[in-house]
Amino acid sequence: MNAANSLLIVISAPSGGGKTTLCNQLIATQPNITRAVTSTTRPPRPGEAHGQDYYFFAPEEFQRRVAAGEFAEHATVFGRSYGVLKSELLTKLRSGRDVLLNIDVQGAASIQAQAATEPELKRALVSIFLTPSSLALLETRLRKRNSDPEAEIQKRLAGARREIACWDRFDYLVFSTSIEEDLRRTVAILQAERQRVSRATAPEF
């Protein structure tokens, strides 16, 4: 694929919205899509390799890179820092690969802000918000898991309400119905995005 047509695909959803399943399906069925390798300050787990599973940095090195503006987005969770390097995104986009980011609404906002000042990211960015069509349907999904106590379900629903309110900050809204249909709709979006004149190679005539 021509690097001018490569896409930076950002997919966000509320908890239980289906984004992890959708991202796994995209990776499994779309050969040109690759994940961005995340950077972290947590230590490697057995079998994990630097540069393949994560980029593992000491906290001081991570913060140096934050200060230098090297991250497209980053956050600290339970004392561990995580982020996506701009170089990770740009290297893969320049090689002609589509890069997939499975991130929350806050992370998506950071990527969008970076893209506003970085022409290559702006050209490539396609943001998709995935959600069931109502909070009631989302609650049904969460309860079907039978894995969370009631307090956790209510916490997730409260967070989902805040995230769903951000739906119009994305390029596309996809109502999640089934694994197959979520994948079909998302692939259709990506196929259409590749045909944009801004990404097209001029025809020969």
N, C-alpha and C. Protein backbone atom coordinates (compact mmCIF):
# COMPACT_ATOMS: atom_id res chain seq x y z
N MET A 1 0.83 -1.19 0.00
CA MET A 1 0.00 0.00 0.00
C MET A 1 0.87 1.25 0.00
N ASN A 2 0.45 2.27 -0.76
CA ASN A 2 1.12 3.55 -0.78
C ASN A 2 1.04 4.20 0.59
N ALA A 3 2.15 4.76 1.08
CA ALA A 3 2.16 5.40 2.39
C ALA A 3 1.17 6.54 2.46
N ALA A 4 0.87 7.17 1.33
CA ALA A 4 -0.08 8.27 1.32
C ALA A 4 -1.49 7.81 1.64
N ASN A 5 -1.75 6.51 1.52
CA ASN A 5 -3.07 5.96 1.81
C ASN A 5 -3.16 5.30 3.18
N SER A 6 -2.07 5.24 3.91
CA SER A 6 -2.10 4.56 5.20
C SER A 6 -2.93 5.34 6.20
N LEU A 7 -3.57 4.62 7.09
CA LEU A 7 -4.52 5.21 8.04
C LEU A 7 -4.06 5.03 9.47
N LEU A 8 -4.33 6.05 10.29
CA LEU A 8 -4.17 5.96 11.73
C LEU A 8 -5.58 5.79 12.29
N ILE A 9 -5.91 4.57 12.69
CA ILE A 9 -7.28 4.22 13.06
C ILE A 9 -7.42 4.26 14.58
N VAL A 10 -8.20 5.20 15.08
CA VAL A 10 -8.46 5.33 16.51
C VAL A 10 -9.86 4.82 16.79
N ILE A 11 -9.95 3.80 17.65
CA ILE A 11 -11.26 3.26 18.03
C ILE A 11 -11.44 3.39 19.53
N SER A 12 -12.53 4.06 19.91
CA SER A 12 -12.88 4.22 21.33
C SER A 12 -14.29 3.71 21.56
N ALA A 13 -14.56 3.36 22.81
CA ALA A 13 -15.88 2.88 23.18
C ALA A 13 -15.98 2.90 24.70
N PRO A 14 -17.19 2.96 25.23
CA PRO A 14 -17.34 2.80 26.67
C PRO A 14 -17.03 1.37 27.08
N SER A 15 -16.77 1.15 28.36
CA SER A 15 -16.52 -0.21 28.85
C SER A 15 -17.69 -1.11 28.49
N GLY A 16 -17.38 -2.24 27.85
CA GLY A 16 -18.43 -3.15 27.40
C GLY A 16 -18.97 -2.81 26.03
N GLY A 17 -18.39 -1.80 25.41
CA GLY A 17 -18.88 -1.36 24.10
C GLY A 17 -18.45 -2.23 22.94
N GLY A 18 -17.43 -3.07 23.15
CA GLY A 18 -17.02 -4.00 22.11
C GLY A 18 -15.77 -3.63 21.35
N LYS A 19 -15.02 -2.60 21.82
CA LYS A 19 -13.88 -2.15 21.02
C LYS A 19 -12.73 -3.15 20.99
N THR A 20 -12.49 -3.87 22.09
CA THR A 20 -11.40 -4.84 22.09
C THR A 20 -11.68 -5.98 21.12
N THR A 21 -12.92 -6.46 21.12
CA THR A 21 -13.31 -7.51 20.18
C THR A 21 -13.19 -7.02 18.75
N LEU A 22 -13.66 -5.80 18.49
CA LEU A 22 -13.58 -5.24 17.14
C LEU A 22 -12.12 -5.11 16.70
N CYS A 23 -11.27 -4.60 17.57
CA CYS A 23 -9.86 -4.43 17.22
C CYS A 23 -9.20 -5.77 16.93
N ASN A 24 -9.52 -6.78 17.72
CA ASN A 24 -8.98 -8.12 17.46
C ASN A 24 -9.44 -8.66 16.11
N GLN A 25 -10.69 -8.39 15.76
CA GLN A 25 -11.22 -8.83 14.47
C GLN A 25 -10.54 -8.10 13.31
N LEU A 26 -10.28 -6.81 13.48
CA LEU A 26 -9.59 -6.06 12.43
C LEU A 26 -8.19 -6.60 12.21
N ILE A 27 -7.46 -6.86 13.29
CA ILE A 27 -6.10 -7.40 13.17
C ILE A 27 -6.13 -8.77 12.50
N ALA A 28 -7.13 -9.58 12.84
CA ALA A 28 -7.21 -10.95 12.32
C ALA A 28 -7.60 -11.00 10.85
N THR A 29 -8.37 -10.02 10.39
CA THR A 29 -8.94 -10.12 9.04
C THR A 29 -8.38 -9.11 8.04
N GLN A 30 -7.69 -8.09 8.51
CA GLN A 30 -7.17 -7.05 7.62
C GLN A 30 -5.64 -7.07 7.67
N PRO A 31 -4.99 -7.70 6.70
CA PRO A 31 -3.54 -7.93 6.77
C PRO A 31 -2.70 -6.66 6.88
N ASN A 32 -3.21 -5.53 6.39
CA ASN A 32 -2.38 -4.32 6.40
C ASN A 32 -2.45 -3.55 7.71
N ILE A 33 -3.36 -3.96 8.61
CA ILE A 33 -3.51 -3.25 9.88
C ILE A 33 -2.57 -3.85 10.92
N THR A 34 -1.86 -2.98 11.61
CA THR A 34 -0.96 -3.40 12.68
C THR A 34 -1.24 -2.57 13.93
N ARG A 35 -0.94 -3.14 15.08
CA ARG A 35 -1.11 -2.39 16.32
C ARG A 35 0.10 -1.49 16.56
N ALA A 36 -0.15 -0.37 17.23
CA ALA A 36 0.95 0.46 17.71
C ALA A 36 1.47 -0.17 19.00
N VAL A 37 2.79 -0.29 19.12
CA VAL A 37 3.39 -0.83 20.34
C VAL A 37 3.42 0.28 21.39
N THR A 38 2.84 -0.01 22.55
CA THR A 38 2.74 0.96 23.64
C THR A 38 4.02 0.98 24.46
N SER A 39 4.36 2.15 24.98
CA SER A 39 5.48 2.29 25.92
C SER A 39 4.95 2.25 27.34
N THR A 40 5.75 1.73 28.27
CA THR A 40 5.30 1.63 29.66
C THR A 40 6.48 1.65 30.63
N THR A 41 6.17 2.03 31.86
CA THR A 41 7.19 1.98 32.92
C THR A 41 7.06 0.72 33.76
N ARG A 42 6.08 -0.12 33.48
CA ARG A 42 5.98 -1.35 34.27
C ARG A 42 7.04 -2.33 33.81
N PRO A 43 7.49 -3.21 34.69
CA PRO A 43 8.52 -4.18 34.29
C PRO A 43 7.95 -5.24 33.35
N PRO A 44 8.78 -5.82 32.50
CA PRO A 44 8.31 -6.87 31.60
C PRO A 44 7.81 -8.09 32.37
N ARG A 45 6.77 -8.71 31.85
CA ARG A 45 6.31 -9.98 32.38
C ARG A 45 7.05 -11.11 31.66
N PRO A 46 7.06 -12.30 32.22
CA PRO A 46 7.77 -13.41 31.56
C PRO A 46 7.31 -13.58 30.12
N GLY A 47 8.27 -13.64 29.22
CA GLY A 47 7.98 -13.85 27.81
C GLY A 47 7.79 -12.58 27.01
N GLU A 48 7.66 -11.42 27.67
CA GLU A 48 7.48 -10.16 26.95
C GLU A 48 8.83 -9.63 26.46
N ALA A 49 8.83 -9.06 25.25
CA ALA A 49 10.07 -8.56 24.64
C ALA A 49 9.95 -7.07 24.37
N HIS A 50 11.02 -6.34 24.65
CA HIS A 50 11.07 -4.90 24.39
C HIS A 50 10.96 -4.66 22.89
N GLY A 51 10.06 -3.73 22.51
CA GLY A 51 9.87 -3.40 21.11
C GLY A 51 8.88 -4.27 20.39
N GLN A 52 8.49 -5.36 21.01
CA GLN A 52 7.51 -6.27 20.40
C GLN A 52 6.19 -6.22 21.15
N ASP A 53 6.25 -6.47 22.46
CA ASP A 53 5.03 -6.39 23.27
C ASP A 53 4.81 -4.97 23.79
N TYR A 54 5.87 -4.38 24.30
CA TYR A 54 5.88 -3.00 24.78
C TYR A 54 7.29 -2.45 24.57
N TYR A 55 7.39 -1.12 24.67
CA TYR A 55 8.68 -0.49 24.88
C TYR A 55 8.78 -0.25 26.39
N PHE A 56 9.75 -0.88 27.02
CA PHE A 56 9.87 -0.79 28.48
C PHE A 56 10.91 0.29 28.83
N PHE A 57 10.44 1.32 29.55
CA PHE A 57 11.31 2.42 29.95
C PHE A 57 11.31 2.58 31.46
N ALA A 58 12.47 2.97 32.01
CA ALA A 58 12.52 3.39 33.41
C ALA A 58 11.68 4.66 33.55
N PRO A 59 11.10 4.89 34.74
CA PRO A 59 10.27 6.09 34.93
C PRO A 59 10.97 7.38 34.52
N GLU A 60 12.26 7.48 34.83
CA GLU A 60 13.00 8.70 34.50
C GLU A 60 13.10 8.90 32.98
N GLU A 61 13.32 7.80 32.26
CA GLU A 61 13.42 7.88 30.80
C GLU A 61 12.06 8.21 30.19
N PHE A 62 11.01 7.62 30.74
CA PHE A 62 9.65 7.90 30.25
C PHE A 62 9.35 9.39 30.41
N GLN A 63 9.64 9.95 31.60
CA GLN A 63 9.35 11.35 31.85
C GLN A 63 10.21 12.27 30.99
N ARG A 64 11.44 11.86 30.69
CA ARG A 64 12.28 12.65 29.80
C ARG A 64 11.64 12.74 28.42
N ARG A 65 11.10 11.63 27.96
CA ARG A 65 10.45 11.61 26.65
C ARG A 65 9.15 12.41 26.66
N VAL A 66 8.42 12.37 27.78
CA VAL A 66 7.23 13.21 27.90
C VAL A 66 7.61 14.68 27.78
N ALA A 67 8.65 15.09 28.53
CA ALA A 67 9.09 16.48 28.51
C ALA A 67 9.58 16.91 27.13
N ALA A 68 10.13 15.96 26.38
CA ALA A 68 10.64 16.26 25.05
C ALA A 68 9.53 16.26 23.99
N GLY A 69 8.30 15.95 24.41
CA GLY A 69 7.18 15.95 23.47
C GLY A 69 7.16 14.78 22.52
N GLU A 70 7.73 13.64 22.95
CA GLU A 70 7.84 12.49 22.06
C GLU A 70 6.58 11.63 22.00
N PHE A 71 5.65 11.83 22.93
CA PHE A 71 4.47 10.98 22.97
C PHE A 71 3.28 11.64 22.27
N ALA A 72 2.54 10.82 21.52
CA ALA A 72 1.28 11.27 20.94
C ALA A 72 0.19 11.30 21.99
N GLU A 73 0.28 10.39 22.94
CA GLU A 73 -0.62 10.39 24.10
C GLU A 73 0.02 9.56 25.19
N HIS A 74 -0.29 9.91 26.45
CA HIS A 74 0.25 9.16 27.58
C HIS A 74 -0.63 9.38 28.80
N ALA A 75 -0.55 8.43 29.74
CA ALA A 75 -1.33 8.52 30.97
C ALA A 75 -0.65 7.67 32.02
N THR A 76 -0.97 7.95 33.29
CA THR A 76 -0.47 7.17 34.40
C THR A 76 -1.64 6.46 35.08
N VAL A 77 -1.53 5.14 35.21
CA VAL A 77 -2.60 4.32 35.79
C VAL A 77 -2.01 3.46 36.89
N PHE A 78 -2.53 3.64 38.11
CA PHE A 78 -2.06 2.85 39.26
C PHE A 78 -0.54 2.92 39.41
N GLY A 79 0.01 4.11 39.20
CA GLY A 79 1.43 4.32 39.41
C GLY A 79 2.32 3.91 38.25
N ARG A 80 1.76 3.35 37.19
CA ARG A 80 2.53 2.97 36.01
C ARG A 80 2.15 3.88 34.86
N SER A 81 3.14 4.33 34.10
CA SER A 81 2.88 5.21 32.96
C SER A 81 2.81 4.41 31.67
N TYR A 82 1.92 4.84 30.79
CA TYR A 82 1.73 4.21 29.49
C TYR A 82 1.61 5.31 28.45
N GLY A 83 2.05 5.04 27.23
CA GLY A 83 1.93 6.04 26.19
C GLY A 83 2.29 5.48 24.83
N VAL A 84 1.98 6.25 23.80
CA VAL A 84 2.29 5.87 22.42
C VAL A 84 3.21 6.93 21.84
N LEU A 85 4.40 6.51 21.43
CA LEU A 85 5.36 7.43 20.84
C LEU A 85 4.92 7.88 19.45
N LYS A 86 5.12 9.16 19.16
CA LYS A 86 4.83 9.65 17.83
C LYS A 86 5.67 8.93 16.78
N SER A 87 6.92 8.62 17.13
CA SER A 87 7.79 7.91 16.18
C SER A 87 7.26 6.53 15.85
N GLU A 88 6.61 5.88 16.82
CA GLU A 88 6.00 4.56 16.57
C GLU A 88 4.92 4.66 15.52
N LEU A 89 4.10 5.69 15.62
CA LEU A 89 3.02 5.88 14.65
C LEU A 89 3.56 6.26 13.28
N LEU A 90 4.46 7.23 13.25
CA LEU A 90 4.95 7.76 11.97
C LEU A 90 5.76 6.72 11.20
N THR A 91 6.58 5.94 11.90
CA THR A 91 7.39 4.92 11.22
C THR A 91 6.51 3.91 10.51
N LYS A 92 5.45 3.46 11.18
CA LYS A 92 4.58 2.46 10.57
C LYS A 92 3.73 3.06 9.46
N LEU A 93 3.24 4.29 9.66
CA LEU A 93 2.47 4.94 8.60
C LEU A 93 3.32 5.16 7.36
N ARG A 94 4.57 5.57 7.55
CA ARG A 94 5.46 5.83 6.42
C ARG A 94 5.83 4.55 5.67
N SER A 95 5.72 3.41 6.35
CA SER A 95 6.01 2.14 5.69
C SER A 95 4.80 1.62 4.91
N GLY A 96 3.69 2.35 4.99
CA GLY A 96 2.49 1.95 4.26
C GLY A 96 1.53 1.10 5.05
N ARG A 97 1.79 0.91 6.34
CA ARG A 97 0.89 0.12 7.18
C ARG A 97 -0.19 1.01 7.79
N ASP A 98 -1.37 0.43 8.01
CA ASP A 98 -2.41 1.08 8.80
C ASP A 98 -2.13 0.79 10.27
N VAL A 99 -2.24 1.80 11.12
CA VAL A 99 -1.92 1.65 12.53
C VAL A 99 -3.20 1.78 13.35
N LEU A 100 -3.43 0.79 14.22
CA LEU A 100 -4.66 0.73 15.01
C LEU A 100 -4.38 1.09 16.47
N LEU A 101 -5.19 2.00 17.00
CA LEU A 101 -5.11 2.38 18.41
C LEU A 101 -6.44 2.09 19.08
N ASN A 102 -6.41 1.26 20.10
CA ASN A 102 -7.58 0.94 20.92
C ASN A 102 -7.43 1.74 22.21
N ILE A 103 -8.06 2.92 22.29
CA ILE A 103 -7.84 3.81 23.42
C ILE A 103 -9.15 4.42 23.91
N ASP A 104 -9.09 4.97 25.14
CA ASP A 104 -10.29 5.58 25.70
C ASP A 104 -10.49 6.98 25.11
N VAL A 105 -11.58 7.61 25.52
CA VAL A 105 -11.95 8.91 24.97
C VAL A 105 -10.87 9.95 25.26
N GLN A 106 -10.31 9.92 26.45
CA GLN A 106 -9.26 10.87 26.81
C GLN A 106 -8.03 10.69 25.92
N GLY A 107 -7.64 9.45 25.70
CA GLY A 107 -6.50 9.18 24.82
C GLY A 107 -6.78 9.60 23.40
N ALA A 108 -8.01 9.36 22.94
CA ALA A 108 -8.38 9.78 21.58
C ALA A 108 -8.28 11.29 21.43
N ALA A 109 -8.69 12.02 22.47
CA ALA A 109 -8.60 13.49 22.42
C ALA A 109 -7.15 13.93 22.32
N SER A 110 -6.25 13.24 23.00
CA SER A 110 -4.83 13.57 22.92
C SER A 110 -4.29 13.33 21.51
N ILE A 111 -4.68 12.21 20.91
CA ILE A 111 -4.25 11.91 19.55
C ILE A 111 -4.78 12.98 18.58
N GLN A 112 -6.03 13.36 18.75
CA GLN A 112 -6.62 14.38 17.88
C GLN A 112 -5.90 15.71 18.03
N ALA A 113 -5.52 16.06 19.26
CA ALA A 113 -4.79 17.31 19.49
C ALA A 113 -3.42 17.27 18.84
N GLN A 114 -2.73 16.12 18.93
CA GLN A 114 -1.43 15.98 18.28
C GLN A 114 -1.57 16.08 16.76
N ALA A 115 -2.62 15.45 16.23
CA ALA A 115 -2.83 15.47 14.78
C ALA A 115 -3.07 16.88 14.26
N ALA A 116 -3.64 17.72 15.09
CA ALA A 116 -3.91 19.10 14.67
C ALA A 116 -2.63 19.87 14.38
N THR A 117 -1.51 19.42 14.97
CA THR A 117 -0.24 20.13 14.78
C THR A 117 0.78 19.31 13.98
N GLU A 118 0.41 18.08 13.61
CA GLU A 118 1.32 17.18 12.89
C GLU A 118 0.66 16.75 11.57
N PRO A 119 1.06 17.33 10.43
CA PRO A 119 0.37 17.08 9.16
C PRO A 119 0.23 15.60 8.80
N GLU A 120 1.27 14.80 9.05
CA GLU A 120 1.20 13.38 8.67
C GLU A 120 0.14 12.65 9.48
N LEU A 121 0.05 12.96 10.77
CA LEU A 121 -0.97 12.33 11.60
C LEU A 121 -2.36 12.82 11.22
N LYS A 122 -2.46 14.10 10.93
CA LYS A 122 -3.77 14.67 10.56
C LYS A 122 -4.30 14.03 9.29
N ARG A 123 -3.41 13.84 8.30
CA ARG A 123 -3.82 13.23 7.05
C ARG A 123 -4.30 11.80 7.24
N ALA A 124 -3.65 11.08 8.14
CA ALA A 124 -3.92 9.66 8.31
C ALA A 124 -5.07 9.36 9.26
N LEU A 125 -5.39 10.29 10.15
CA LEU A 125 -6.29 9.99 11.26
C LEU A 125 -7.73 9.71 10.83
N VAL A 126 -8.27 8.60 11.34
CA VAL A 126 -9.69 8.26 11.21
C VAL A 126 -10.14 7.82 12.60
N SER A 127 -11.08 8.54 13.20
CA SER A 127 -11.52 8.22 14.55
C SER A 127 -12.95 7.67 14.54
N ILE A 128 -13.14 6.58 15.28
CA ILE A 128 -14.42 5.87 15.31
C ILE A 128 -14.85 5.66 16.75
N PHE A 129 -16.09 6.03 17.06
CA PHE A 129 -16.64 5.76 18.38
C PHE A 129 -17.67 4.64 18.24
N LEU A 130 -17.45 3.58 19.00
CA LEU A 130 -18.30 2.39 18.96
C LEU A 130 -19.11 2.30 20.24
N THR A 131 -20.41 2.12 20.12
CA THR A 131 -21.24 2.02 21.32
C THR A 131 -22.57 1.35 21.00
N PRO A 132 -23.16 0.61 21.96
CA PRO A 132 -24.55 0.20 21.78
C PRO A 132 -25.41 1.45 21.65
N SER A 133 -26.59 1.30 21.10
CA SER A 133 -27.45 2.46 20.82
C SER A 133 -28.08 3.08 22.06
N SER A 134 -27.96 2.41 23.21
CA SER A 134 -28.52 2.98 24.44
C SER A 134 -27.74 2.48 25.64
N LEU A 135 -27.83 3.23 26.73
CA LEU A 135 -27.16 2.83 27.97
C LEU A 135 -27.78 1.54 28.51
N ALA A 136 -29.08 1.35 28.26
CA ALA A 136 -29.74 0.13 28.72
C ALA A 136 -29.14 -1.11 28.06
N LEU A 137 -28.85 -1.02 26.77
CA LEU A 137 -28.23 -2.15 26.07
C LEU A 137 -26.82 -2.40 26.59
N LEU A 138 -26.10 -1.33 26.88
CA LEU A 138 -24.76 -1.48 27.43
C LEU A 138 -24.83 -2.16 28.80
N GLU A 139 -25.79 -1.78 29.63
CA GLU A 139 -25.94 -2.40 30.95
C GLU A 139 -26.23 -3.90 30.80
N THR A 140 -27.06 -4.25 29.81
CA THR A 140 -27.36 -5.66 29.57
C THR A 140 -26.09 -6.43 29.23
N ARG A 141 -25.23 -5.85 28.40
CA ARG A 141 -23.96 -6.51 28.05
C ARG A 141 -23.09 -6.71 29.28
N LEU A 142 -22.98 -5.67 30.10
CA LEU A 142 -22.13 -5.75 31.29
C LEU A 142 -22.62 -6.83 32.24
N ARG A 143 -23.93 -6.93 32.38
CA ARG A 143 -24.49 -7.93 33.30
C ARG A 143 -24.35 -9.35 32.77
N LYS A 144 -24.34 -9.50 31.46
CA LYS A 144 -24.19 -10.84 30.87
C LYS A 144 -22.81 -11.43 31.15
N ARG A 145 -21.84 -10.56 31.43
CA ARG A 145 -20.50 -11.06 31.74
C ARG A 145 -20.48 -11.88 33.02
N ASN A 146 -21.36 -11.53 33.97
CA ASN A 146 -21.41 -12.21 35.28
C ASN A 146 -20.05 -12.24 35.98
N SER A 147 -19.27 -11.17 35.75
CA SER A 147 -17.93 -11.16 36.33
C SER A 147 -17.68 -9.98 37.26
N ASP A 148 -18.59 -9.02 37.28
CA ASP A 148 -18.38 -7.81 38.08
C ASP A 148 -19.45 -7.67 39.16
N PRO A 149 -19.06 -7.23 40.36
CA PRO A 149 -20.06 -6.95 41.40
C PRO A 149 -20.89 -5.74 41.01
N GLU A 150 -22.01 -5.57 41.67
CA GLU A 150 -22.95 -4.49 41.34
C GLU A 150 -22.29 -3.12 41.41
N ALA A 151 -21.47 -2.89 42.42
CA ALA A 151 -20.81 -1.59 42.55
C ALA A 151 -19.93 -1.29 41.35
N GLU A 152 -19.24 -2.31 40.83
CA GLU A 152 -18.38 -2.13 39.68
C GLU A 152 -19.19 -1.85 38.42
N ILE A 153 -20.32 -2.53 38.28
CA ILE A 153 -21.20 -2.29 37.13
C ILE A 153 -21.68 -0.85 37.13
N GLN A 154 -22.12 -0.36 38.30
CA GLN A 154 -22.60 1.01 38.39
C GLN A 154 -21.49 2.01 38.09
N LYS A 155 -20.28 1.70 38.53
CA LYS A 155 -19.13 2.57 38.25
C LYS A 155 -18.85 2.62 36.75
N ARG A 156 -18.91 1.47 36.10
CA ARG A 156 -18.67 1.41 34.66
C ARG A 156 -19.76 2.15 33.88
N LEU A 157 -21.00 2.04 34.34
CA LEU A 157 -22.10 2.73 33.67
C LEU A 157 -21.97 4.24 33.81
N ALA A 158 -21.54 4.69 34.98
CA ALA A 158 -21.35 6.13 35.17
C ALA A 158 -20.25 6.65 34.25
N GLY A 159 -19.15 5.87 34.15
CA GLY A 159 -18.08 6.26 33.23
C GLY A 159 -18.54 6.23 31.78
N ALA A 160 -19.35 5.21 31.44
CA ALA A 160 -19.84 5.08 30.07
C ALA A 160 -20.72 6.28 29.69
N ARG A 161 -21.52 6.75 30.64
CA ARG A 161 -22.38 7.89 30.37
C ARG A 161 -21.54 9.12 29.99
N ARG A 162 -20.44 9.31 30.70
CA ARG A 162 -19.56 10.45 30.38
C ARG A 162 -18.88 10.26 29.03
N GLU A 163 -18.46 9.02 28.74
CA GLU A 163 -17.77 8.77 27.47
C GLU A 163 -18.70 8.89 26.28
N ILE A 164 -19.90 8.36 26.41
CA ILE A 164 -20.86 8.41 25.30
C ILE A 164 -21.20 9.86 24.95
N ALA A 165 -21.17 10.74 25.94
CA ALA A 165 -21.45 12.16 25.70
C ALA A 165 -20.43 12.79 24.75
N CYS A 166 -19.31 12.11 24.54
CA CYS A 166 -18.25 12.64 23.66
C CYS A 166 -18.34 12.10 22.25
N TRP A 167 -19.41 11.41 21.90
CA TRP A 167 -19.49 10.71 20.62
C TRP A 167 -19.28 11.63 19.42
N ASP A 168 -19.72 12.89 19.52
CA ASP A 168 -19.65 13.78 18.37
C ASP A 168 -18.27 14.40 18.16
N ARG A 169 -17.29 14.00 18.97
CA ARG A 169 -15.92 14.46 18.77
C ARG A 169 -15.14 13.54 17.82
N PHE A 170 -15.81 12.50 17.35
CA PHE A 170 -15.19 11.51 16.47
C PHE A 170 -15.67 11.70 15.04
N ASP A 171 -14.93 11.11 14.09
CA ASP A 171 -15.32 11.19 12.69
C ASP A 171 -16.54 10.33 12.39
N TYR A 172 -16.63 9.18 13.07
CA TYR A 172 -17.71 8.24 12.80
C TYR A 172 -18.30 7.70 14.09
N LEU A 173 -19.59 7.44 14.07
CA LEU A 173 -20.30 6.77 15.16
C LEU A 173 -20.82 5.45 14.62
N VAL A 174 -20.42 4.34 15.27
CA VAL A 174 -20.88 3.01 14.87
C VAL A 174 -21.67 2.42 16.03
N PHE A 175 -22.94 2.10 15.79
CA PHE A 175 -23.74 1.44 16.81
C PHE A 175 -23.43 -0.05 16.80
N SER A 176 -22.95 -0.55 17.92
CA SER A 176 -22.54 -1.94 18.03
C SER A 176 -23.76 -2.85 18.12
N THR A 177 -23.81 -3.86 17.23
CA THR A 177 -24.93 -4.80 17.24
C THR A 177 -24.44 -6.25 17.37
N SER A 178 -23.48 -6.64 16.54
CA SER A 178 -22.90 -7.98 16.60
C SER A 178 -21.45 -7.89 16.17
N ILE A 179 -20.66 -8.91 16.48
CA ILE A 179 -19.25 -8.92 16.10
C ILE A 179 -19.12 -8.78 14.58
N GLU A 180 -19.91 -9.53 13.85
CA GLU A 180 -19.81 -9.54 12.39
C GLU A 180 -20.22 -8.18 11.81
N GLU A 181 -21.30 -7.61 12.33
CA GLU A 181 -21.79 -6.35 11.78
C GLU A 181 -20.89 -5.18 12.18
N ASP A 182 -20.35 -5.20 13.39
CA ASP A 182 -19.41 -4.16 13.80
C ASP A 182 -18.19 -4.16 12.88
N LEU A 183 -17.70 -5.35 12.57
CA LEU A 183 -16.54 -5.46 11.69
C LEU A 183 -16.88 -4.99 10.28
N ARG A 184 -18.02 -5.40 9.76
CA ARG A 184 -18.42 -5.02 8.39
C ARG A 184 -18.52 -3.51 8.27
N ARG A 185 -19.15 -2.86 9.24
CA ARG A 185 -19.33 -1.41 9.16
C ARG A 185 -17.99 -0.69 9.27
N THR A 186 -17.12 -1.17 10.12
CA THR A 186 -15.82 -0.51 10.29
C THR A 186 -14.96 -0.67 9.05
N VAL A 187 -14.95 -1.86 8.48
CA VAL A 187 -14.18 -2.08 7.24
C VAL A 187 -14.71 -1.19 6.12
N ALA A 188 -16.03 -1.03 6.05
CA ALA A 188 -16.62 -0.15 5.03
C ALA A 188 -16.14 1.29 5.20
N ILE A 189 -16.06 1.74 6.46
CA ILE A 189 -15.55 3.09 6.73
C ILE A 189 -14.11 3.22 6.25
N LEU A 190 -13.28 2.24 6.56
CA LEU A 190 -11.88 2.30 6.19
C LEU A 190 -11.69 2.26 4.67
N GLN A 191 -12.51 1.45 4.00
CA GLN A 191 -12.43 1.38 2.54
C GLN A 191 -12.80 2.72 1.92
N ALA A 192 -13.84 3.36 2.47
CA ALA A 192 -14.26 4.66 1.95
C ALA A 192 -13.18 5.72 2.21
N GLU A 193 -12.57 5.67 3.39
CA GLU A 193 -11.54 6.65 3.72
C GLU A 193 -10.35 6.57 2.77
N ARG A 194 -10.03 5.37 2.30
CA ARG A 194 -8.90 5.23 1.39
C ARG A 194 -9.18 5.88 0.03
N GLN A 195 -10.46 6.08 -0.29
CA GLN A 195 -10.83 6.66 -1.59
C GLN A 195 -10.92 8.18 -1.56
N ARG A 196 -10.67 8.78 -0.39
CA ARG A 196 -10.70 10.24 -0.33
C ARG A 196 -9.67 10.83 -1.30
N VAL A 197 -10.04 11.92 -1.95
CA VAL A 197 -9.14 12.57 -2.90
C VAL A 197 -7.83 12.97 -2.22
N SER A 198 -7.92 13.36 -0.94
CA SER A 198 -6.71 13.78 -0.23
C SER A 198 -5.70 12.66 -0.06
N ARG A 199 -6.16 11.40 -0.20
CA ARG A 199 -5.26 10.25 -0.06
C ARG A 199 -5.00 9.56 -1.39
N ALA A 200 -5.66 9.99 -2.43
CA ALA A 200 -5.59 9.28 -3.71
C ALA A 200 -4.35 9.63 -4.52
N THR A 201 -3.93 8.67 -5.34
CA THR A 201 -2.89 8.91 -6.33
C THR A 201 -3.58 9.26 -7.63
N ALA A 202 -3.14 10.32 -8.27
CA ALA A 202 -3.81 10.79 -9.49
C ALA A 202 -3.84 9.71 -10.55
N PRO A 203 -4.96 9.55 -11.25
CA PRO A 203 -5.03 8.56 -12.32
C PRO A 203 -4.14 8.98 -13.50
N GLU A 204 -3.68 7.99 -14.24
CA GLU A 204 -2.87 8.27 -15.43
C GLU A 204 -3.77 8.48 -16.63
N PHE A 205 -3.54 9.56 -17.37
CA PHE A 205 -4.35 9.81 -18.55
C PHE A 205 -3.57 10.67 -19.55
